[in-house]
Amino acid sequence: MVNMTPLLFPWQQTLVPTSMMANETISQRYTAVCDKHEIKINPFILNVLQQTSEAERNFTLNLRGNDNQPVLQRLGDEDVFAMSKCLQNHQAVTGLDLRYNNVSDEGARHLADLIKVENSALRSLNLMFNNIQKEGAELLAGGLQQNHSLMSLKLSGNKLSKKGFVALGRALQRNQTLQELQLADCDLDTTDVLTLSIVLKINQTLRSVDISRPLLFSLQEEWTWSFSEMLETNSSLVELHLGKMGLTDTGLERLARGLKQNRSLRYLDLRCNRVTRDGAQHLAEVLTQNSSLEVLDLSANRIEDEGATCLSGAIARPECPLRENNIRTEGLLSLSQAVASASGLTHLYIWGNQLQEPVCRAFSQLISGGHLAPEHTDVSPYQVDGHVFLAEVNQRLRSTLFCLETVGAATS
């Protein structure tokens, strides 16, 4: 039976606390930095810092620009400068979440200086959907080459440009600490994706990578050959997001060759691609030979009834390790039978299909019979006038449940 205990990120583990310099609170320190450098105090930052308990250690400072708070003023580069100065030699804050702000290349420069600090406590840095471009990416790459503490870097939604991505690629060939990298919606082109596959052949530290929604203008799917070769040799990657890649059945057939040989990957995200029933057959072959893959996301593809039936046959095998799936097709009855057959599949997400009454009854029986836990699916049964229906429950695949081991744990 697969251990269901969630695995925490390394930066979520308890670290040895270090007292703040001169017993100064973090809000007082921020105010002092602003006064010294003649920077206007951001009320949003000050409010968050004042609510921070000084007894708290090893926490993520949430300064998200999309928070629903009474006092919200998105951070700019000057704000980032003040925060970077405030957090230097500050060991309590191990995560910094700056997503959906107005951080540009200049702000990236200040953050690069922060992660260059020799005793930096920062374990995670979230810069998703800011305004970081080529120069900012190059500066952050320079910081990564000197950093020995950062384990998670999220840059999705920033237009890094080719030169910026190349700089990051070079840094990843030297960095031996970073374990999670998110580059979705960064307008990566075919060359960038091929470069990353080469990097992943060298880098044996990265465990979670997201390159969803690149801009691939070629229809030849050259990247699938390179990624297939990478998967044959890479033994550290456990989570890979390839959503919105334009992946076809032909490309998936190539990718499947590497997946059959891989023994570390546990989460594969193929959502929003062009996979049909033929691609589902290739994935079924992978599931019969791959003993490590536990999570497969095929949402928003077109595998149809035949593809779902083919996958169900592979999933129903007792030795199949797959336990989460997100398939939106009309072949739901065969999938429900796979769950009921005591296979390894324990999570099933089906909302968005044509949920006719036979399917509703089947899933109602799965849930009431204990074969499918209510928290492991995105539907909930109810009855009206003797007819069974399914209502949507807002639950999604947990994209990081299996991705990173705790510090010192053996790699899967």
Protein backbone atom coordinates (compact mmCIF):
# COMPACT_ATOMS: atom_id res chain seq x y z
CA MET A 1 0.00 0.00 0.00
CA VAL A 2 1.41 3.41 -0.94
CA ASN A 3 2.16 5.69 2.01
CA MET A 4 -0.38 8.52 1.86
CA THR A 5 1.55 10.88 4.16
CA PRO A 6 2.19 14.15 2.27
CA LEU A 7 5.84 14.90 1.69
CA LEU A 8 6.86 18.38 2.71
CA PHE A 9 9.23 20.65 0.86
CA PRO A 10 12.70 20.87 2.42
CA TRP A 11 12.19 24.56 3.20
CA GLN A 12 9.09 23.65 5.20
CA GLN A 13 11.16 21.63 7.64
CA THR A 14 12.25 22.96 11.00
CA LEU A 15 15.56 24.78 10.93
CA VAL A 16 17.70 26.04 13.80
CA PRO A 17 16.26 29.45 14.77
CA THR A 18 18.53 32.46 14.84
CA SER A 19 17.70 35.60 16.82
CA MET A 20 17.17 38.85 14.98
CA MET A 21 19.96 41.33 15.12
CA ALA A 22 19.76 43.51 18.23
CA ASN A 23 16.27 42.07 19.05
CA GLU A 24 14.79 44.39 16.42
CA THR A 25 11.37 43.39 15.11
CA ILE A 26 11.06 42.86 11.39
CA SER A 27 8.59 45.75 11.04
CA GLN A 28 10.95 48.07 12.90
CA ARG A 29 13.78 46.95 10.70
CA TYR A 30 11.73 47.66 7.57
CA THR A 31 10.85 51.15 8.79
CA ALA A 32 14.48 51.88 9.58
CA VAL A 33 15.60 50.79 6.10
CA CYS A 34 12.98 53.01 4.46
CA ASP A 35 14.05 55.98 6.58
CA LYS A 36 17.73 55.47 5.83
CA HIS A 37 17.25 55.22 2.06
CA GLU A 38 14.40 57.74 1.85
CA ILE A 39 11.92 55.18 0.53
CA LYS A 40 8.20 55.73 1.02
CA ILE A 41 6.78 53.10 3.37
CA ASN A 42 4.43 50.68 1.64
CA PRO A 43 1.39 50.32 3.96
CA PHE A 44 0.73 46.80 2.64
CA ILE A 45 4.22 45.61 3.58
CA LEU A 46 4.10 47.33 6.96
CA ASN A 47 0.70 45.82 7.74
CA VAL A 48 1.90 42.30 6.91
CA LEU A 49 5.10 42.71 8.93
CA GLN A 50 3.27 44.10 11.94
CA GLN A 51 1.02 41.05 11.94
CA THR A 52 4.05 38.76 11.87
CA SER A 53 4.76 37.12 15.19
CA GLU A 54 8.35 37.65 16.27
CA ALA A 55 8.27 34.23 17.93
CA GLU A 56 7.57 32.58 14.57
CA ARG A 57 10.50 30.94 12.83
CA ASN A 58 11.08 29.44 9.40
CA PHE A 59 8.01 30.91 7.72
CA THR A 60 7.13 32.29 4.29
CA LEU A 61 6.51 36.03 4.10
CA ASN A 62 3.41 36.43 1.91
CA LEU A 63 3.39 39.71 0.00
CA ARG A 64 1.25 38.55 -2.91
CA GLY A 65 -0.06 41.30 -5.16
CA ASN A 66 -3.38 39.50 -5.65
CA ASP A 67 -4.26 39.16 -1.98
CA ASN A 68 -7.72 40.27 -0.93
CA GLN A 69 -6.70 42.63 1.84
CA PRO A 70 -8.04 46.02 2.95
CA VAL A 71 -4.58 47.53 2.54
CA LEU A 72 -3.05 46.41 -0.74
CA GLN A 73 -0.39 48.29 -2.65
CA ARG A 74 1.54 46.16 -5.10
CA LEU A 75 5.28 46.08 -4.59
CA GLY A 76 7.59 47.90 -6.95
CA ASP A 77 11.37 47.77 -7.27
CA GLU A 78 11.97 50.22 -4.40
CA ASP A 79 9.83 48.08 -2.12
CA VAL A 80 11.84 45.00 -3.11
CA PHE A 81 15.07 46.88 -2.36
CA ALA A 82 13.80 47.71 1.13
CA MET A 83 12.68 44.13 1.75
CA SER A 84 15.95 42.65 0.51
CA LYS A 85 17.88 44.90 2.91
CA CYS A 86 15.45 44.03 5.68
CA LEU A 87 15.89 40.28 5.16
CA GLN A 88 19.68 40.22 4.93
CA ASN A 89 21.04 38.17 7.84
CA HIS A 90 17.45 37.49 8.91
CA GLN A 91 17.15 33.79 9.63
CA ALA A 92 13.45 33.56 10.53
CA VAL A 93 12.04 34.17 7.03
CA THR A 94 12.81 31.15 4.84
CA GLY A 95 10.29 31.90 2.07
CA LEU A 96 9.37 35.04 0.14
CA ASP A 97 6.18 35.13 -1.96
CA LEU A 98 6.07 38.16 -4.32
CA ARG A 99 3.80 36.83 -7.05
CA TYR A 100 1.53 39.23 -8.98
CA ASN A 101 3.46 42.39 -8.14
CA ASN A 102 5.30 44.97 -10.25
CA VAL A 103 8.82 43.65 -9.81
CA SER A 104 11.00 44.38 -12.85
CA ASP A 105 14.65 43.73 -13.71
CA GLU A 106 15.80 46.27 -11.12
CA GLY A 107 13.88 44.44 -8.41
CA ALA A 108 15.41 41.18 -9.60
CA ARG A 109 18.83 42.76 -9.08
CA HIS A 110 18.05 43.38 -5.40
CA LEU A 111 16.74 39.83 -4.96
CA ALA A 112 19.84 38.44 -6.66
CA ASP A 113 21.94 40.35 -4.12
CA LEU A 114 19.81 38.85 -1.34
CA ILE A 115 20.34 35.23 -2.41
CA LYS A 116 24.06 35.87 -2.89
CA VAL A 117 24.45 36.49 0.84
CA GLU A 118 26.62 33.71 2.22
CA ASN A 119 24.34 32.82 5.14
CA SER A 120 21.06 33.40 3.29
CA ALA A 121 18.15 31.64 4.99
CA LEU A 122 15.87 31.91 1.96
CA ARG A 123 14.66 28.48 0.79
CA SER A 124 11.86 29.53 -1.58
CA LEU A 125 11.33 32.57 -3.83
CA ASN A 126 8.08 33.06 -5.73
CA LEU A 127 8.19 35.73 -8.47
CA MET A 128 5.37 34.47 -10.65
CA PHE A 129 3.66 36.98 -12.94
CA ASN A 130 5.86 40.00 -12.45
CA ASN A 131 7.73 42.03 -15.09
CA ILE A 132 11.11 40.29 -15.03
CA GLN A 133 12.77 40.03 -18.43
CA LYS A 134 16.23 39.32 -19.89
CA GLU A 135 18.41 41.38 -17.54
CA GLY A 136 16.50 40.28 -14.46
CA ALA A 137 16.79 36.62 -15.44
CA GLU A 138 20.52 37.01 -15.99
CA LEU A 139 20.93 38.65 -12.59
CA LEU A 140 18.96 35.93 -10.82
CA ALA A 141 21.02 33.32 -12.66
CA GLY A 142 24.17 34.97 -11.35
CA GLY A 143 22.75 34.80 -7.85
CA LEU A 144 21.91 31.11 -8.27
CA GLN A 145 25.50 30.31 -9.17
CA GLN A 146 26.61 31.64 -5.77
CA ASN A 147 23.63 30.49 -3.72
CA HIS A 148 23.65 27.34 -1.58
CA SER A 149 20.28 27.57 0.15
CA LEU A 150 17.47 28.29 -2.36
CA MET A 151 15.42 25.20 -3.13
CA SER A 152 12.41 26.63 -4.98
CA LEU A 153 12.33 29.34 -7.66
CA LYS A 154 9.05 30.20 -9.39
CA LEU A 155 9.32 32.48 -12.43
CA SER A 156 6.16 31.51 -14.33
CA GLY A 157 4.51 34.36 -16.18
CA ASN A 158 7.69 36.42 -16.70
CA LYS A 159 8.98 36.98 -20.25
CA LEU A 160 12.59 36.01 -19.66
CA SER A 161 13.77 36.08 -23.31
CA LYS A 162 16.24 33.65 -24.87
CA LYS A 163 19.37 35.22 -23.33
CA GLY A 164 17.76 35.23 -19.91
CA PHE A 165 16.85 31.57 -20.19
CA VAL A 166 20.33 30.64 -21.45
CA ALA A 167 21.80 32.32 -18.36
CA LEU A 168 19.49 30.30 -16.13
CA GLY A 169 20.49 27.13 -17.97
CA ARG A 170 24.16 27.80 -17.31
CA ALA A 171 23.45 28.48 -13.64
CA LEU A 172 21.55 25.20 -13.30
CA GLN A 173 24.56 23.29 -14.56
CA ARG A 174 26.49 24.56 -11.52
CA ASN A 175 23.81 24.99 -8.86
CA GLN A 176 23.53 21.95 -6.59
CA THR A 177 20.69 23.15 -4.34
CA LEU A 178 17.64 24.16 -6.37
CA GLN A 179 14.98 21.43 -6.43
CA GLU A 180 11.91 23.17 -7.88
CA LEU A 181 11.82 25.41 -10.97
CA GLN A 182 8.65 26.83 -12.51
CA LEU A 183 8.92 28.41 -15.98
CA ALA A 184 5.35 28.11 -17.27
CA ASP A 185 4.05 30.95 -19.48
CA CYS A 186 7.56 32.31 -19.97
CA ASP A 187 7.37 32.18 -23.80
CA LEU A 188 10.09 29.55 -24.09
CA ASP A 189 10.75 28.51 -27.69
CA THR A 190 11.85 25.16 -29.12
CA THR A 191 15.54 25.93 -28.58
CA ASP A 192 14.91 26.82 -24.94
CA VAL A 193 13.02 23.58 -24.32
CA LEU A 194 15.81 21.57 -25.99
CA THR A 195 18.37 23.42 -23.85
CA LEU A 196 16.47 22.51 -20.70
CA SER A 197 16.47 18.83 -21.65
CA ILE A 198 20.28 18.99 -21.94
CA VAL A 199 20.50 20.73 -18.56
CA LEU A 200 18.37 18.00 -16.98
CA LYS A 201 20.81 15.38 -18.26
CA ILE A 202 23.54 17.13 -16.25
CA ASN A 203 21.69 18.50 -13.25
CA GLN A 204 20.85 15.79 -10.73
CA THR A 205 19.30 18.09 -8.12
CA LEU A 206 16.12 19.41 -9.74
CA ARG A 207 13.10 17.31 -8.78
CA SER A 208 10.18 19.42 -10.01
CA VAL A 209 10.10 21.30 -13.34
CA ASP A 210 7.21 23.15 -15.00
CA ILE A 211 7.57 24.45 -18.58
CA SER A 212 3.88 24.53 -19.51
CA ARG A 213 2.67 26.79 -22.34
CA PRO A 214 5.84 27.51 -24.29
CA LEU A 215 5.72 29.10 -27.75
CA LEU A 216 6.63 26.19 -30.02
CA PHE A 217 6.20 27.19 -33.65
CA SER A 218 7.55 23.94 -35.09
CA LEU A 219 5.08 21.12 -35.70
CA GLN A 220 7.81 18.47 -35.68
CA GLU A 221 7.85 18.12 -31.87
CA GLU A 222 11.65 17.87 -31.85
CA TRP A 223 11.69 18.41 -28.10
CA THR A 224 10.01 15.05 -27.47
CA TRP A 225 13.07 13.16 -28.77
CA SER A 226 15.35 15.11 -26.45
CA PHE A 227 13.07 14.78 -23.43
CA SER A 228 12.70 11.05 -24.05
CA GLU A 229 16.49 10.65 -24.00
CA MET A 230 16.67 12.79 -20.86
CA LEU A 231 14.07 10.67 -19.06
CA GLU A 232 16.09 7.52 -19.81
CA THR A 233 19.08 8.85 -17.87
CA ASN A 234 17.73 11.36 -15.34
CA SER A 235 17.28 9.79 -11.92
CA SER A 236 16.33 12.84 -9.84
CA LEU A 237 13.27 14.34 -11.54
CA VAL A 238 10.05 13.27 -9.83
CA GLU A 239 7.56 15.89 -11.10
CA LEU A 240 7.29 17.14 -14.68
CA HIS A 241 4.68 19.56 -16.04
CA LEU A 242 4.22 19.55 -19.83
CA GLY A 243 0.81 21.17 -20.12
CA LYS A 244 -0.20 23.17 -23.20
CA MET A 245 2.76 21.91 -25.23
CA GLY A 246 0.75 20.98 -28.33
CA LEU A 247 1.74 17.37 -27.67
CA THR A 248 0.26 14.92 -30.19
CA ASP A 249 0.04 11.12 -30.22
CA THR A 250 3.25 10.97 -32.30
CA GLY A 251 5.15 13.09 -29.78
CA LEU A 252 3.74 11.08 -26.90
CA GLU A 253 4.88 7.85 -28.56
CA ARG A 254 8.44 9.23 -28.55
CA LEU A 255 8.11 10.45 -24.97
CA ALA A 256 6.80 7.06 -23.89
CA ARG A 257 10.10 5.41 -24.85
CA GLY A 258 11.90 7.39 -22.19
CA LEU A 259 9.07 7.04 -19.67
CA LYS A 260 9.27 3.25 -19.89
CA GLN A 261 12.92 3.39 -18.84
CA ASN A 262 12.56 6.07 -16.16
CA ARG A 263 12.39 4.97 -12.52
CA SER A 264 12.12 8.29 -10.65
CA LEU A 265 9.23 10.26 -12.18
CA ARG A 266 6.12 10.11 -10.01
CA TYR A 267 3.99 13.00 -11.34
CA LEU A 268 3.42 13.63 -15.05
CA ASP A 269 1.24 16.56 -16.14
CA LEU A 270 0.04 16.34 -19.77
CA ARG A 271 -3.07 18.50 -19.45
CA CYS A 272 -4.39 20.64 -22.30
CA ASN A 273 -2.60 18.82 -25.11
CA ARG A 274 -3.74 17.03 -28.28
CA VAL A 275 -3.59 13.47 -27.00
CA THR A 276 -6.25 11.11 -28.42
CA ARG A 277 -7.07 7.43 -27.96
CA ASP A 278 -3.84 6.38 -29.72
CA GLY A 279 -1.80 8.41 -27.24
CA ALA A 280 -3.75 6.81 -24.39
CA GLN A 281 -2.63 3.42 -25.70
CA HIS A 282 1.02 4.52 -25.52
CA LEU A 283 0.45 5.67 -21.93
CA ALA A 284 -1.17 2.33 -21.09
CA GLU A 285 2.01 0.61 -22.27
CA VAL A 286 4.03 2.95 -20.05
CA LEU A 287 1.92 2.02 -17.03
CA THR A 288 2.56 -1.67 -17.63
CA GLN A 289 6.34 -1.14 -17.60
CA ASN A 290 6.94 1.91 -15.40
CA SER A 291 6.89 1.13 -11.68
CA SER A 292 7.24 4.67 -10.37
CA LEU A 293 4.56 6.85 -12.02
CA GLU A 294 1.85 7.64 -9.46
CA VAL A 295 0.09 10.76 -10.77
CA LEU A 296 -1.06 11.27 -14.35
CA ASP A 297 -2.99 14.40 -15.43
CA LEU A 298 -4.69 14.03 -18.82
CA SER A 299 -7.34 16.70 -18.35
CA ALA A 300 -8.45 18.65 -21.43
CA ASN A 301 -7.30 16.04 -23.96
CA ARG A 302 -9.43 13.93 -26.32
CA ILE A 303 -8.78 10.30 -25.38
CA GLU A 304 -12.51 9.41 -25.63
CA ASP A 305 -14.11 6.13 -24.56
CA GLU A 306 -11.62 3.81 -26.27
CA GLY A 307 -8.66 5.61 -24.74
CA ALA A 308 -10.19 5.55 -21.26
CA THR A 309 -10.99 1.84 -21.59
CA CYS A 310 -7.42 1.13 -22.68
CA LEU A 311 -6.04 3.04 -19.69
CA SER A 312 -8.48 1.32 -17.36
CA GLY A 313 -7.06 -2.05 -18.31
CA ALA A 314 -3.57 -0.94 -17.32
CA ILE A 315 -4.76 0.79 -14.15
CA ALA A 316 -6.77 -2.21 -12.98
CA ARG A 317 -3.63 -4.31 -12.59
CA PRO A 318 -2.82 -4.71 -8.85
CA GLU A 319 0.85 -3.87 -9.46
CA CYS A 320 0.05 -0.57 -11.19
CA PRO A 321 1.41 2.25 -8.99
CA LEU A 322 -0.90 4.93 -10.42
CA ARG A 323 -3.15 6.34 -7.71
CA GLU A 324 -4.25 9.75 -9.04
CA ASN A 325 -5.76 10.42 -12.43
CA ASN A 326 -7.58 13.30 -14.04
CA ILE A 327 -9.24 12.03 -17.23
CA ARG A 328 -12.21 13.85 -18.68
CA THR A 329 -13.79 11.46 -21.16
CA GLU A 330 -16.98 9.54 -21.68
CA GLY A 331 -15.35 6.22 -20.69
CA LEU A 332 -16.06 6.82 -17.02
CA LEU A 333 -17.77 3.54 -16.33
CA SER A 334 -14.66 1.55 -17.23
CA LEU A 335 -12.60 3.81 -14.97
CA SER A 336 -15.05 3.35 -12.11
CA GLN A 337 -14.70 -0.40 -12.56
CA ALA A 338 -10.92 -0.03 -12.36
CA VAL A 339 -11.26 1.75 -9.01
CA ALA A 340 -13.70 -0.86 -7.71
CA SER A 341 -11.37 -3.72 -8.67
CA ALA A 342 -9.02 -2.92 -5.77
CA SER A 343 -6.36 -1.52 -8.08
CA GLY A 344 -3.84 1.07 -6.94
CA LEU A 345 -5.96 3.93 -8.33
CA THR A 346 -7.46 5.83 -5.40
CA HIS A 347 -8.02 9.35 -6.81
CA LEU A 348 -10.30 10.10 -9.78
CA TYR A 349 -11.34 13.53 -11.10
CA ILE A 350 -14.16 13.52 -13.67
CA TRP A 351 -16.04 16.84 -13.58
CA GLY A 352 -16.56 18.34 -17.02
CA ASN A 353 -17.78 15.18 -18.75
CA GLN A 354 -21.28 14.17 -19.75
CA LEU A 355 -22.25 12.72 -16.38
CA GLN A 356 -25.25 10.65 -17.32
CA GLU A 357 -27.17 8.73 -14.68
CA PRO A 358 -25.35 5.35 -15.10
CA VAL A 359 -22.09 7.15 -14.41
CA CYS A 360 -23.63 9.06 -11.49
CA ARG A 361 -24.88 5.81 -9.96
CA ALA A 362 -21.52 4.09 -10.45
CA PHE A 363 -19.62 6.87 -8.71
CA SER A 364 -22.22 7.09 -5.96
CA GLN A 365 -21.66 3.39 -5.27
CA LEU A 366 -17.87 3.84 -5.35
CA ILE A 367 -18.06 6.56 -2.71
CA SER A 368 -20.67 4.91 -0.50
CA GLY A 369 -18.84 1.57 -0.75
CA GLY A 370 -15.56 3.06 0.41
CA HIS A 371 -13.71 2.45 -2.86
CA LEU A 372 -13.33 6.19 -3.54
CA ALA A 373 -12.89 8.63 -0.65
CA PRO A 374 -14.91 11.88 -0.96
CA GLU A 375 -11.74 13.94 -0.65
CA HIS A 376 -10.13 12.02 -3.52
CA THR A 377 -12.56 13.08 -6.24
CA ASP A 378 -14.13 16.28 -7.54
CA VAL A 379 -17.78 15.12 -7.49
CA SER A 380 -20.34 14.47 -4.77
CA PRO A 381 -23.54 12.39 -5.34
CA TYR A 382 -27.03 13.54 -4.41
CA GLN A 383 -30.57 12.38 -5.22
CA VAL A 384 -33.64 14.18 -6.55
CA ASP A 385 -36.91 12.29 -7.06
CA GLY A 386 -35.10 8.96 -7.04
CA HIS A 387 -32.52 10.02 -9.64
CA VAL A 388 -28.80 10.22 -8.80
CA PHE A 389 -26.78 13.26 -9.83
CA LEU A 390 -23.21 14.44 -9.23
CA ALA A 391 -22.30 17.91 -7.97
CA GLU A 392 -18.89 19.50 -8.45
CA VAL A 393 -16.53 19.67 -5.49
CA ASN A 394 -13.68 22.13 -5.80
CA GLN A 395 -10.71 19.80 -5.41
CA ARG A 396 -7.68 19.63 -7.68
CA LEU A 397 -4.69 17.42 -8.18
CA ARG A 398 -2.04 18.22 -5.60
CA SER A 399 0.82 19.17 -7.82
CA THR A 400 3.52 18.94 -5.16
CA LEU A 401 2.31 16.03 -3.04
CA PHE A 402 4.97 13.71 -4.35
CA CYS A 403 7.51 16.07 -5.81
CA LEU A 404 10.16 16.67 -3.15
CA GLU A 405 11.55 14.56 -0.35
CA THR A 406 12.44 15.88 3.07
CA VAL A 407 16.02 16.83 3.90
CA GLY A 408 18.16 13.75 4.19
CA ALA A 409 15.53 11.37 2.83
CA ALA A 410 16.46 8.94 0.13
CA THR A 411 15.43 9.83 -3.40
CA SER A 412 12.69 7.62 -4.81
